Amino acid sequence: DMEQLTVYGAGWCEDTTRIRRLLKQWGISYRYVDIDDNPAARRKIARWNKGWTMTPTVTYGRLESPRIFQPEDHELHAMVYECGFVRQGPLLL
């Protein structure tokens, strides 16, 4: 499904774990890419951030835009809402 969220993150990153937990609680499906296992994804994130690798990075759709970097809970919720996802689980902000 090209119209989905993608979470670029790392297993050691607490913020990645938090974002993945929120998406699961909200019932939002997403694709997860571990940048430690995917050098091309790591380079892509660095290119988007002027050389900095920031996790998590959350994108939407085939063009991966919009994209947000190290989002706070309310920023992730705004992206989910703006992209038209229907929240199925509880909203915990």
Protein backbone atom coordinates (compact mmCIF):
# COMPACT_ATOMS: atom_id res chain seq x y z
CA ASP A 1 0.00 0.00 0.00
CA MET A 2 1.69 3.19 -1.18
CA GLU A 3 -0.57 5.45 0.91
CA GLN A 4 0.79 4.44 4.27
CA LEU A 5 2.97 5.76 7.02
CA THR A 6 6.60 4.71 7.15
CA VAL A 7 8.60 4.88 10.36
CA TYR A 8 12.37 5.00 9.94
CA GLY A 9 13.98 4.20 13.24
CA ALA A 10 16.33 2.02 15.24
CA GLY A 11 15.76 -0.67 17.83
CA TRP A 12 17.92 1.16 20.39
CA CYS A 13 16.01 4.45 20.00
CA GLU A 14 13.48 5.13 22.78
CA ASP A 15 11.63 7.69 20.64
CA THR A 16 11.21 5.11 17.87
CA THR A 17 9.73 2.68 20.40
CA ARG A 18 7.36 5.41 21.67
CA ILE A 19 6.16 6.34 18.16
CA ARG A 20 5.59 2.69 17.20
CA ARG A 21 3.67 2.10 20.44
CA LEU A 22 1.42 5.12 19.80
CA LEU A 23 0.64 4.04 16.25
CA LYS A 24 -0.26 0.57 17.50
CA GLN A 25 -2.49 2.04 20.25
CA TRP A 26 -4.23 4.20 17.66
CA GLY A 27 -4.75 1.25 15.32
CA ILE A 28 -2.71 2.82 12.52
CA SER A 29 -0.82 0.43 10.24
CA TYR A 30 2.64 1.47 9.16
CA ARG A 31 5.81 0.16 7.57
CA TYR A 32 8.90 0.03 9.79
CA VAL A 33 12.41 0.44 8.40
CA ASP A 34 15.31 -0.17 10.80
CA ILE A 35 18.08 2.14 9.60
CA ASP A 36 20.72 -0.01 11.29
CA ASP A 37 19.78 -2.82 8.89
CA ASN A 38 19.27 -0.58 5.85
CA PRO A 39 22.21 1.69 4.88
CA ALA A 40 20.24 3.20 1.97
CA ALA A 41 17.48 4.30 4.35
CA ARG A 42 20.08 5.78 6.72
CA ARG A 43 21.58 7.81 3.85
CA LYS A 44 18.12 8.97 2.75
CA ILE A 45 17.28 10.28 6.21
CA ALA A 46 20.64 12.04 6.44
CA ARG A 47 20.04 13.65 3.03
CA TRP A 48 16.64 14.96 4.20
CA ASN A 49 18.25 16.41 7.36
CA LYS A 50 21.34 18.13 5.94
CA GLY A 51 23.63 15.29 7.00
CA TRP A 52 22.01 14.40 10.32
CA THR A 53 20.46 10.99 10.93
CA MET A 54 17.37 11.62 13.05
CA THR A 55 15.22 8.82 14.45
CA PRO A 56 12.42 8.36 14.28
CA THR A 57 11.53 9.89 10.96
CA VAL A 58 7.90 9.41 9.90
CA THR A 59 6.76 9.85 6.30
CA TYR A 60 3.54 9.40 4.39
CA GLY A 61 2.76 7.98 0.96
CA ARG A 62 4.73 7.10 -2.11
CA LEU A 63 6.47 10.50 -2.21
CA GLU A 64 7.21 10.28 1.53
CA SER A 65 5.81 13.72 2.10
CA PRO A 66 4.91 15.07 4.52
CA ARG A 67 7.72 13.92 6.75
CA ILE A 68 8.40 14.67 10.38
CA PHE A 69 11.59 14.16 12.35
CA GLN A 70 11.74 13.08 15.99
CA PRO A 71 8.07 14.02 16.40
CA GLU A 72 6.36 14.78 19.67
CA ASP A 73 3.09 12.92 20.28
CA HIS A 74 0.94 15.87 19.17
CA GLU A 75 2.94 16.25 15.94
CA LEU A 76 2.43 12.59 15.08
CA HIS A 77 -1.28 12.89 15.86
CA ALA A 78 -1.55 15.95 13.59
CA MET A 79 0.15 14.08 10.74
CA VAL A 80 -2.13 11.05 11.17
CA TYR A 81 -5.18 13.34 11.17
CA GLU A 82 -4.04 15.40 8.16
CA CYS A 83 -3.29 12.26 6.13
CA GLY A 84 -6.85 11.05 6.68
CA PHE A 85 -6.27 8.04 8.88
CA VAL A 86 -9.14 6.91 11.06
CA ARG A 87 -8.00 6.35 14.58
CA GLN A 88 -9.32 3.10 16.01
CA GLY A 89 -7.61 3.00 19.39
CA PRO A 90 -7.49 5.46 22.28
CA LEU A 91 -5.86 8.83 21.81
CA LEU A 92 -3.32 9.25 24.57
CA LEU A 93 -1.80 12.72 24.45
